[in-house]
Amino acid sequence: MSEKIAVKDVSPKGGAKKVNPATNKKNNDLYQKREKIYQRHVVGTFHKVRNVATWVTMAIYFIGPWLVWDGRQAVLFDLPARKFYIFGFTFWPQDFILLSWLLIIAAFSLFFVTALAGRVWCGYTCPQTVWTALYVWIEHRIEGDRNQRIKLDKQPWSINKATRKTIKHTLWFLLAFTTGYTFVGYFQPIKELTVDIIYFQAHGWAWFWLIFFTVATYMNAGWLREQVCLYMCPYARFQSAMFDKDTLIVTYDEKRGEPRGKRKKRIDPETIGLGDCINCQFCVQVCPTGIDIRDGLQYECITCAACIDACDQIMDQMGYDKGLIRYSTEHAMESGETHIIRPRLIGYGLALGVMIFAFWYVFFTRVPLQLDIIRDRNQLYRENVEGMIENTYTLKIMNMSQQVQQYQVSVSGLEGLHLNVPERITANAGELLVVPVNAEINPKLLKKPNHTIEFHVRSTSDDSTQVTEESRFIGPIKL
């Protein structure tokens, strides 16, 4: 055991050759250098669908704060007052459980739609996609299509280039500013905000969020673009966990398209030993993330279907059938059959249905009235001049509706207990009333020193608007 193991020197003759990592061409870079994507303009069926989705989304966002409902801003998240107004509904901090349900519903909706139709959210309605599409549209109008933009960027600076770049970035900035201004308008009355901005009287936080969202929009949609989807958005990374072979995706029909090759129009590809793909690169040039869909499904694909519109145009020009690139599923490509009803989709659908029902139940059973009871702890009880045993309470009644309400207060749980309280209590919309209440009873009716009682507050105009809260009535200990 004490014998040493022999060591053999296997160093190459002449010594090891030193390699400088900085000059070694085989040394791979840790970070890949970004190559700017010049997206080519394309029109077609899915382009029209994206346009409709874009303009509807933008209209909802930009018009929302300007809508008026019952004399006030229809959609307003009033954080200082801790009230959210959404058309005819007012939400208070106590209603935040509804926000939880909404977030859960949004998550399961995303899971369900992704399992069914892939990343259609990313391709059609994601804010990053929508705003980037607007920025690209502005760029296309000012600088021209793909080849013109490439040529312009390669040119030395001139009056023409400087003018086009200035106009483009000015429009980009105005759109970014409008986006930030509208966002702040959801949290501060937008008409007041407009006046405050014009006269530079806006609150510091308003200026902060206005500048923040202006810069964020300008950078994300104008400069980062696909980088947000590829590296910053987590959805692209975990989407594959929700995909299966029956998920609708943008796919290239390899059996029909290969082998690729250029040819003259109207030539039957079989006669020259080629597939339908003419290798024109149109599908790559129109892709907003710069991928080649012919390489198969990739996490960078946002399912926008721009490559489908591009390929269909080429197929029309060549006299071939459309659909070389199309929405399909792996099962459909392999066997021609897609299983729409499947366990994964059923599971997501059931979970989504349960969440929607729970939200519906909580939303429609909520009562626009809140009652808090504070018992006077300075004294357990007192005996008044009439010999009655008296307890003192403070009722905090909040009218959570948008109308003036009248309430009646009653008590139960102890026979013979009487309340000294006005017959009707009036509360304005959103008002919190603090009502002192005395409850008294003949001591002969007290069978024990501690009783559980219930206070009831009911709206005189709507019997369904009522709340009940428990408290204690304390009397003397009988010896």
Foldseek 3Di string as FASTA:
>chain_A
DPDDDDDDDPADPPGDDDDDLVPDPPNDDPDDDDDDAFAFDFDDDLNVQLVVLLVVLVCCLLCQQVDDAPHAGQFACAVVLQWTHHRQAIDHPVNCVLVVLVVLLVVLVVLLLCQAANQVCLQHHDPLNSLLVVLSVLLCVLQNGRVSVVVLVPDPDDPSSVVSVVVSLVVLLVVQLSNQLSVVCRHPNSVVVVVCVVVVNDDPVSVVSSVVSSVVSSCSNPPCRLVCQPPVDCCLVCSVVSYDQQHWAWAALPVQAPPEAADDAQDDCVVVPGHPHPPPCNLQNNQRNRDDRHVDDDSSDSRNCSSLSRQQVVCVRRVHDRDSTDTGGNCCSVPNDHDNDDDSSVVSVVSSVVSVVVSVVCVVLDAQKDKDKDWDPVDQWDQDPVRWIKTKIKIKIWRNGQAKWKKAKDKDFAPAKDKDFDRIDIDGHGGIDIGMIMIIGHPVSDPAFKTKMKMKMATPVDRSRMDIDIDMRGDDGDD
